[in-house]
């Protein structure tokens, strides 16, 4: 199973929106999902976090939509190789 670290998720978003905004967006999404703070996400959890952030109608939402597509494509490639 593919796993993405919290730091990696924040870092990928930070490339577009900056570290503080990325960290805040991810933390807020985790709270909205009712999860405890975690250090790693599986593919489904990553998509859930990004789906919540993607609802924003600003550059943060756009970045999350693009990252969600990338995460889904990467997972698709992993599952078709097996």
PDB file of N, CA and C in Angstrom:
ATOM      1  N   UNK A   1       0.851  -1.187   0.000  1.00  0.00           N
ATOM      2  CA  UNK A   1       0.000   0.000   0.000  1.00  0.00           C
ATOM      3  C   UNK A   1       0.894   1.246   0.000  1.00  0.00           C
ATOM      4  N   UNK A   2       0.530   2.183  -0.818  1.00  0.00           N
ATOM      5  CA  UNK A   2       1.288   3.420  -0.926  1.00  0.00           C
ATOM      6  C   UNK A   2       0.956   4.350   0.235  1.00  0.00           C
ATOM      7  N   UNK A   3       1.981   4.958   0.816  1.00  0.00           N
ATOM      8  CA  UNK A   3       1.804   5.851   1.963  1.00  0.00           C
ATOM      9  C   UNK A   3       2.503   7.172   1.657  1.00  0.00           C
ATOM     10  N   UNK A   4       1.873   8.255   2.088  1.00  0.00           N
ATOM     11  CA  UNK A   4       2.431   9.594   1.915  1.00  0.00           C
ATOM     12  C   UNK A   4       2.569  10.225   3.291  1.00  0.00           C
ATOM     13  N   UNK A   5       3.726  10.786   3.568  1.00  0.00           N
ATOM     14  CA  UNK A   5       3.916  11.407   4.876  1.00  0.00           C
ATOM     15  C   UNK A   5       3.210  12.754   4.933  1.00  0.00           C
ATOM     16  N   UNK A   6       2.864  13.170   6.132  1.00  0.00           N
ATOM     17  CA  UNK A   6       2.258  14.488   6.353  1.00  0.00           C
ATOM     18  C   UNK A   6       3.189  15.571   5.815  1.00  0.00           C
ATOM     19  N   UNK A   7       4.467  15.450   6.108  1.00  0.00           N
ATOM     20  CA  UNK A   7       5.442  16.437   5.634  1.00  0.00           C
ATOM     21  C   UNK A   7       5.446  16.499   4.117  1.00  0.00           C
ATOM     22  N   UNK A   8       5.406  15.370   3.460  1.00  0.00           N
ATOM     23  CA  UNK A   8       5.419  15.334   2.008  1.00  0.00           C
ATOM     24  C   UNK A   8       4.172  15.996   1.421  1.00  0.00           C
ATOM     25  N   UNK A   9       3.027  15.719   2.009  1.00  0.00           N
ATOM     26  CA  UNK A   9       1.781  16.331   1.546  1.00  0.00           C
ATOM     27  C   UNK A   9       1.836  17.849   1.705  1.00  0.00           C
ATOM     28  N   UNK A  10       2.276  18.302   2.860  1.00  0.00           N
ATOM     29  CA  UNK A  10       2.396  19.747   3.106  1.00  0.00           C
ATOM     30  C   UNK A  10       3.433  20.352   2.156  1.00  0.00           C
ATOM     31  N   UNK A  11       4.562  19.676   1.983  1.00  0.00           N
ATOM     32  CA  UNK A  11       5.614  20.190   1.099  1.00  0.00           C
ATOM     33  C   UNK A  11       5.119  20.328  -0.339  1.00  0.00           C
ATOM     34  N   UNK A  12       4.357  19.354  -0.805  1.00  0.00           N
ATOM     35  CA  UNK A  12       3.848  19.414  -2.175  1.00  0.00           C
ATOM     36  C   UNK A  12       2.885  20.584  -2.353  1.00  0.00           C
ATOM     37  N   UNK A  13       2.021  20.809  -1.363  1.00  0.00           N
ATOM     38  CA  UNK A  13       1.109  21.949  -1.445  1.00  0.00           C
ATOM     39  C   UNK A  13       1.871  23.259  -1.291  1.00  0.00           C
ATOM     40  N   UNK A  14       2.897  23.252  -0.457  1.00  0.00           N
ATOM     41  CA  UNK A  14       3.668  24.473  -0.183  1.00  0.00           C
ATOM     42  C   UNK A  14       4.384  24.995  -1.422  1.00  0.00           C
ATOM     43  N   UNK A  15       4.670  24.125  -2.373  1.00  0.00           N
ATOM     44  CA  UNK A  15       5.299  24.569  -3.615  1.00  0.00           C
ATOM     45  C   UNK A  15       4.442  25.633  -4.310  1.00  0.00           C
ATOM     46  N   UNK A  16       3.134  25.562  -4.110  1.00  0.00           N
ATOM     47  CA  UNK A  16       2.218  26.502  -4.759  1.00  0.00           C
ATOM     48  C   UNK A  16       1.752  27.606  -3.822  1.00  0.00           C
ATOM     49  N   UNK A  17       1.426  27.255  -2.582  1.00  0.00           N
ATOM     50  CA  UNK A  17       0.764  28.219  -1.686  1.00  0.00           C
ATOM     51  C   UNK A  17       1.615  28.669  -0.501  1.00  0.00           C
ATOM     52  N   UNK A  18       2.791  28.101  -0.345  1.00  0.00           N
ATOM     53  CA  UNK A  18       3.630  28.437   0.797  1.00  0.00           C
ATOM     54  C   UNK A  18       3.387  27.491   1.963  1.00  0.00           C
ATOM     55  N   UNK A  19       4.385  27.394   2.822  1.00  0.00           N
ATOM     56  CA  UNK A  19       4.358  26.415   3.919  1.00  0.00           C
ATOM     57  C   UNK A  19       3.237  26.671   4.918  1.00  0.00           C
ATOM     58  N   UNK A  20       3.080  27.897   5.360  1.00  0.00           N
ATOM     59  CA  UNK A  20       2.080  28.191   6.401  1.00  0.00           C
ATOM     60  C   UNK A  20       0.663  27.899   5.923  1.00  0.00           C
ATOM     61  N   UNK A  21       0.339  28.319   4.717  1.00  0.00           N
ATOM     62  CA  UNK A  21      -1.013  28.084   4.188  1.00  0.00           C
ATOM     63  C   UNK A  21      -1.241  26.599   3.947  1.00  0.00           C
ATOM     64  N   UNK A  22      -0.232  25.910   3.419  1.00  0.00           N
ATOM     65  CA  UNK A  22      -0.359  24.470   3.170  1.00  0.00           C
ATOM     66  C   UNK A  22      -0.581  23.718   4.475  1.00  0.00           C
ATOM     67  N   UNK A  23       0.216  24.041   5.482  1.00  0.00           N
ATOM     68  CA  UNK A  23       0.088  23.366   6.781  1.00  0.00           C
ATOM     69  C   UNK A  23      -1.288  23.626   7.391  1.00  0.00           C
ATOM     70  N   UNK A  24      -1.749  24.858   7.314  1.00  0.00           N
ATOM     71  CA  UNK A  24      -3.061  25.206   7.864  1.00  0.00           C
ATOM     72  C   UNK A  24      -4.176  24.468   7.119  1.00  0.00           C
ATOM     73  N   UNK A  25      -4.087  24.395   5.799  1.00  0.00           N
ATOM     74  CA  UNK A  25      -5.115  23.725   5.008  1.00  0.00           C
ATOM     75  C   UNK A  25      -5.187  22.235   5.341  1.00  0.00           C
ATOM     76  N   UNK A  26      -4.029  21.590   5.444  1.00  0.00           N
ATOM     77  CA  UNK A  26      -3.996  20.163   5.765  1.00  0.00           C
ATOM     78  C   UNK A  26      -4.503  19.928   7.185  1.00  0.00           C
ATOM     79  N   UNK A  27      -4.050  20.721   8.137  1.00  0.00           N
ATOM     80  CA  UNK A  27      -4.505  20.569   9.525  1.00  0.00           C
ATOM     81  C   UNK A  27      -6.019  20.763   9.638  1.00  0.00           C
ATOM     82  N   UNK A  28      -6.553  21.759   8.936  1.00  0.00           N
ATOM     83  CA  UNK A  28      -7.990  22.014   8.974  1.00  0.00           C
ATOM     84  C   UNK A  28      -8.765  20.843   8.376  1.00  0.00           C
ATOM     85  N   UNK A  29      -8.280  20.300   7.265  1.00  0.00           N
ATOM     86  CA  UNK A  29      -8.949  19.155   6.634  1.00  0.00           C
ATOM     87  C   UNK A  29      -8.943  17.941   7.560  1.00  0.00           C
ATOM     88  N   UNK A  30      -7.817  17.702   8.225  1.00  0.00           N
ATOM     89  CA  UNK A  30      -7.725  16.573   9.161  1.00  0.00           C
ATOM     90  C   UNK A  30      -8.752  16.741  10.276  1.00  0.00           C
ATOM     91  N   UNK A  31      -8.872  17.954  10.807  1.00  0.00           N
ATOM     92  CA  UNK A  31      -9.855  18.209  11.870  1.00  0.00           C
ATOM     93  C   UNK A  31     -11.278  18.016  11.360  1.00  0.00           C
ATOM     94  N   UNK A  32     -11.566  18.473  10.142  1.00  0.00           N
ATOM     95  CA  UNK A  32     -12.910  18.316   9.581  1.00  0.00           C
ATOM     96  C   UNK A  32     -13.265  16.843   9.398  1.00  0.00           C
ATOM     97  N   UNK A  33     -12.272  16.025   9.119  1.00  0.00           N
ATOM     98  CA  UNK A  33     -12.505  14.590   8.987  1.00  0.00           C
ATOM     99  C   UNK A  33     -12.639  13.903  10.349  1.00  0.00           C
ATOM    100  N   UNK A  34     -12.335  14.630  11.419  1.00  0.00           N
ATOM    101  CA  UNK A  34     -12.440  14.066  12.765  1.00  0.00           C
ATOM    102  C   UNK A  34     -11.295  13.145  13.118  1.00  0.00           C
ATOM    103  N   UNK A  35     -10.197  13.285  12.422  1.00  0.00           N
ATOM    104  CA  UNK A  35      -9.038  12.443  12.671  1.00  0.00           C
ATOM    105  C   UNK A  35      -8.115  13.089  13.684  1.00  0.00           C
ATOM    106  N   UNK A  36      -7.357  12.242  14.368  1.00  0.00           N
ATOM    107  CA  UNK A  36      -6.256  12.720  15.188  1.00  0.00           C
ATOM    108  C   UNK A  36      -5.124  13.089  14.242  1.00  0.00           C
ATOM    109  N   UNK A  37      -4.263  13.977  14.665  1.00  0.00           N
ATOM    110  CA  UNK A  37      -3.098  14.346  13.851  1.00  0.00           C
ATOM    111  C   UNK A  37      -2.303  13.081  13.559  1.00  0.00           C
ATOM    112  N   UNK A  38      -1.923  12.901  12.334  1.00  0.00           N
ATOM    113  CA  UNK A  38      -1.174  11.705  11.958  1.00  0.00           C
ATOM    114  C   UNK A  38       0.035  12.094  11.119  1.00  0.00           C
ATOM    115  N   UNK A  39       0.984  11.199  11.042  1.00  0.00           N
ATOM    116  CA  UNK A  39       2.215  11.480  10.305  1.00  0.00           C
ATOM    117  C   UNK A  39       2.218  10.859   8.916  1.00  0.00           C
ATOM    118  N   UNK A  40       1.320   9.894   8.656  1.00  0.00           N
ATOM    119  CA  UNK A  40       1.267   9.241   7.354  1.00  0.00           C
ATOM    120  C   UNK A  40      -0.176   9.055   6.912  1.00  0.00           C
ATOM    121  N   UNK A  41      -0.361   9.060   5.584  1.00  0.00           N
ATOM    122  CA  UNK A  41      -1.679   8.856   4.998  1.00  0.00           C
ATOM    123  C   UNK A  41      -1.578   7.779   3.931  1.00  0.00           C
ATOM    124  N   UNK A  42      -2.555   6.885   3.886  1.00  0.00           N
ATOM    125  CA  UNK A  42      -2.597   5.975   2.747  1.00  0.00           C
ATOM    126  C   UNK A  42      -3.245   6.728   1.587  1.00  0.00           C
ATOM    127  N   UNK A  43      -3.369   6.086   0.452  1.00  0.00           N
ATOM    128  CA  UNK A  43      -3.865   6.764  -0.739  1.00  0.00           C
ATOM    129  C   UNK A  43      -5.279   7.291  -0.543  1.00  0.00           C
ATOM    130  N   UNK A  44      -6.154   6.500   0.042  1.00  0.00           N
ATOM    131  CA  UNK A  44      -7.542   6.931   0.255  1.00  0.00           C
ATOM    132  C   UNK A  44      -7.614   8.119   1.208  1.00  0.00           C
ATOM    133  N   UNK A  45      -6.814   8.094   2.256  1.00  0.00           N
ATOM    134  CA  UNK A  45      -6.799   9.200   3.210  1.00  0.00           C
ATOM    135  C   UNK A  45      -6.250  10.475   2.574  1.00  0.00           C
ATOM    136  N   UNK A  46      -5.220  10.323   1.741  1.00  0.00           N
ATOM    137  CA  UNK A  46      -4.656  11.472   1.036  1.00  0.00           C
ATOM    138  C   UNK A  46      -5.720  12.117   0.154  1.00  0.00           C
ATOM    139  N   UNK A  47      -6.460  11.296  -0.579  1.00  0.00           N
ATOM    140  CA  UNK A  47      -7.516  11.806  -1.456  1.00  0.00           C
ATOM    141  C   UNK A  47      -8.607  12.489  -0.621  1.00  0.00           C
ATOM    142  N   UNK A  48      -8.948  11.929   0.531  1.00  0.00           N
ATOM    143  CA  UNK A  48      -9.966  12.557   1.395  1.00  0.00           C
ATOM    144  C   UNK A  48      -9.517  13.950   1.845  1.00  0.00           C
ATOM    145  N   UNK A  49      -8.282  14.061   2.288  1.00  0.00           N
ATOM    146  CA  UNK A  49      -7.753  15.355   2.740  1.00  0.00           C
ATOM    147  C   UNK A  49      -7.761  16.347   1.588  1.00  0.00           C
ATOM    148  N   UNK A  50      -7.260  15.928   0.438  1.00  0.00           N
ATOM    149  CA  UNK A  50      -7.191  16.827  -0.708  1.00  0.00           C
ATOM    150  C   UNK A  50      -8.579  17.203  -1.233  1.00  0.00           C
ATOM    151  N   UNK A  51      -9.540  16.306  -1.116  1.00  0.00           N
ATOM    152  CA  UNK A  51     -10.904  16.602  -1.560  1.00  0.00           C
ATOM    153  C   UNK A  51     -11.506  17.731  -0.728  1.00  0.00           C
ATOM    154  N   UNK A  52     -11.259  17.709   0.559  1.00  0.00           N
ATOM    155  CA  UNK A  52     -11.762  18.787   1.425  1.00  0.00           C
ATOM    156  C   UNK A  52     -11.085  20.115   1.065  1.00  0.00           C
ATOM    157  N   UNK A  53      -9.779  20.085   0.924  1.00  0.00           N
ATOM    158  CA  UNK A  53      -9.053  21.318   0.593  1.00  0.00           C
ATOM    159  C   UNK A  53      -9.467  21.825  -0.792  1.00  0.00           C
ATOM    160  N   UNK A  54      -9.717  20.906  -1.707  1.00  0.00           N
ATOM    161  CA  UNK A  54     -10.065  21.270  -3.090  1.00  0.00           C
ATOM    162  C   UNK A  54     -11.372  22.048  -3.186  1.00  0.00           C
ATOM    163  N   UNK A  55     -12.183  22.027  -2.163  1.00  0.00           N
ATOM    164  CA  UNK A  55     -13.448  22.774  -2.168  1.00  0.00           C
ATOM    165  C   UNK A  55     -13.229  24.280  -2.053  1.00  0.00           C
ATOM    166  N   UNK A  56     -12.037  24.673  -1.637  1.00  0.00           N
ATOM    167  CA  UNK A  56     -11.735  26.103  -1.520  1.00  0.00           C
ATOM    168  C   UNK A  56     -11.660  26.710  -2.917  1.00  0.00           C
ATOM    169  N   UNK A  57     -12.156  27.912  -3.037  1.00  0.00           N
ATOM    170  CA  UNK A  57     -12.185  28.567  -4.345  1.00  0.00           C
ATOM    171  C   UNK A  57     -11.049  29.576  -4.491  1.00  0.00           C
ATOM    172  N   UNK A  58      -9.863  29.135  -4.117  1.00  0.00           N
ATOM    173  CA  UNK A  58      -8.686  29.985  -4.246  1.00  0.00           C
ATOM    174  C   UNK A  58      -7.533  29.122  -4.742  1.00  0.00           C
ATOM    175  N   UNK A  59      -6.340  29.670  -4.740  1.00  0.00           N
ATOM    176  CA  UNK A  59      -5.185  28.932  -5.242  1.00  0.00           C
ATOM    177  C   UNK A  59      -4.925  27.667  -4.416  1.00  0.00           C
ATOM    178  N   UNK A  60      -5.280  27.684  -3.142  1.00  0.00           N
ATOM    179  CA  UNK A  60      -5.110  26.495  -2.300  1.00  0.00           C
ATOM    180  C   UNK A  60      -5.991  25.362  -2.815  1.00  0.00           C
ATOM    181  N   UNK A  61      -7.226  25.686  -3.168  1.00  0.00           N
ATOM    182  CA  UNK A  61      -8.134  24.681  -3.723  1.00  0.00           C
ATOM    183  C   UNK A  61      -7.651  24.148  -5.058  1.00  0.00           C
ATOM    184  N   UNK A  62      -7.127  25.037  -5.878  1.00  0.00           N
ATOM    185  CA  UNK A  62      -6.598  24.615  -7.177  1.00  0.00           C
ATOM    186  C   UNK A  62      -5.411  23.672  -6.981  1.00  0.00           C
ATOM    187  N   UNK A  63      -4.514  24.030  -6.081  1.00  0.00           N
ATOM    188  CA  UNK A  63      -3.351  23.176  -5.796  1.00  0.00           C
ATOM    189  C   UNK A  63      -3.799  21.807  -5.303  1.00  0.00           C
ATOM    190  N   UNK A  64      -4.807  21.776  -4.443  1.00  0.00           N
ATOM    191  CA  UNK A  64      -5.303  20.503  -3.905  1.00  0.00           C
ATOM    192  C   UNK A  64      -5.945  19.660  -5.009  1.00  0.00           C
ATOM    193  N   UNK A  65      -6.667  20.294  -5.916  1.00  0.00           N
ATOM    194  CA  UNK A  65      -7.281  19.540  -7.015  1.00  0.00           C
ATOM    195  C   UNK A  65      -6.209  18.894  -7.896  1.00  0.00           C
ATOM    196  N   UNK A  66      -5.167  19.646  -8.178  1.00  0.00           N
ATOM    197  CA  UNK A  66      -4.079  19.097  -8.994  1.00  0.00           C
ATOM    198  C   UNK A  66      -3.341  17.969  -8.268  1.00  0.00           C
ATOM    199  N   UNK A  67      -3.083  18.158  -6.986  1.00  0.00           N
ATOM    200  CA  UNK A  67      -2.408  17.105  -6.213  1.00  0.00           C
ATOM    201  C   UNK A  67      -3.275  15.863  -6.088  1.00  0.00           C
ATOM    202  N   UNK A  68      -4.585  16.049  -5.971  1.00  0.00           N
ATOM    203  CA  UNK A  68      -5.494  14.900  -5.882  1.00  0.00           C
ATOM    204  C   UNK A  68      -5.425  14.090  -7.177  1.00  0.00           C
ATOM    205  N   UNK A  69      -5.417  14.768  -8.312  1.00  0.00           N
ATOM    206  CA  UNK A  69      -5.306  14.070  -9.593  1.00  0.00           C
ATOM    207  C   UNK A  69      -3.991  13.296  -9.661  1.00  0.00           C
ATOM    208  N   UNK A  70      -2.906  13.961  -9.253  1.00  0.00           N
ATOM    209  CA  UNK A  70      -1.601  13.285  -9.257  1.00  0.00           C
ATOM    210  C   UNK A  70      -1.597  12.061  -8.349  1.00  0.00           C
ATOM    211  N   UNK A  71      -2.219  12.177  -7.170  1.00  0.00           N
ATOM    212  CA  UNK A  71      -2.270  11.049  -6.224  1.00  0.00           C
ATOM    213  C   UNK A  71      -3.076   9.902  -6.807  1.00  0.00           C
ATOM    214  N   UNK A  72      -4.191  10.221  -7.450  1.00  0.00           N
ATOM    215  CA  UNK A  72      -5.036   9.178  -8.041  1.00  0.00           C
ATOM    216  C   UNK A  72      -4.319   8.484  -9.194  1.00  0.00           C
ATOM    217  N   UNK A  73      -3.619   9.243 -10.030  1.00  0.00           N
ATOM    218  CA  UNK A  73      -2.874   8.661 -11.153  1.00  0.00           C
ATOM    219  C   UNK A  73      -1.735   7.790 -10.636  1.00  0.00           C
ATOM    220  N   UNK A  74      -1.023   8.261  -9.630  1.00  0.00           N
ATOM    221  CA  UNK A  74       0.081   7.484  -9.067  1.00  0.00           C
ATOM    222  C   UNK A  74      -0.433   6.163  -8.490  1.00  0.00           C
ATOM    223  N   UNK A  75      -1.554   6.206  -7.800  1.00  0.00           N
ATOM    224  CA  UNK A  75      -2.117   4.985  -7.234  1.00  0.00           C
ATOM    225  C   UNK A  75      -2.564   4.048  -8.347  1.00  0.00           C
ATOM    226  N   UNK A  76      -3.154   4.601  -9.385  1.00  0.00           N
ATOM    227  CA  UNK A  76      -3.600   3.798 -10.525  1.00  0.00           C
ATOM    228  C   UNK A  76      -2.416   3.059 -11.151  1.00  0.00           C
ATOM    229  N   UNK A  77      -1.285   3.742 -11.295  1.00  0.00           N
ATOM    230  CA  UNK A  77      -0.096   3.119 -11.850  1.00  0.00           C
ATOM    231  C   UNK A  77       0.410   1.986 -10.955  1.00  0.00           C
ATOM    232  N   UNK A  78       0.358   2.213  -9.638  1.00  0.00           N
ATOM    233  CA  UNK A  78       0.806   1.172  -8.700  1.00  0.00           C
ATOM    234  C   UNK A  78      -0.068  -0.074  -8.777  1.00  0.00           C
ATOM    235  N   UNK A  79      -1.369   0.132  -8.886  1.00  0.00           N
ATOM    236  CA  UNK A  79      -2.273  -1.017  -8.879  1.00  0.00           C
ATOM    237  C   UNK A  79      -2.276  -1.771 -10.211  1.00  0.00           C
ATOM    238  N   UNK A  80      -1.955  -1.107 -11.308  1.00  0.00           N
ATOM    239  CA  UNK A  80      -1.934  -1.793 -12.599  1.00  0.00           C
ATOM    240  C   UNK A  80      -0.642  -2.571 -12.810  1.00  0.00           C
ATOM    241  N   UNK A  81       0.400  -2.273 -12.056  1.00  0.00           N
ATOM    242  CA  UNK A  81       1.665  -3.001 -12.160  1.00  0.00           C
ATOM    243  C   UNK A  81       1.600  -4.375 -11.515  1.00  0.00           C
ATOM    244  N   UNK A  82       0.687  -4.560 -10.600  1.00  0.00           N
ATOM    245  CA  UNK A  82       0.631  -5.811  -9.833  1.00  0.00           C
ATOM    246  C   UNK A  82       0.071  -6.939 -10.643  1.00  0.00           C
TER     247      UNK A  82
END
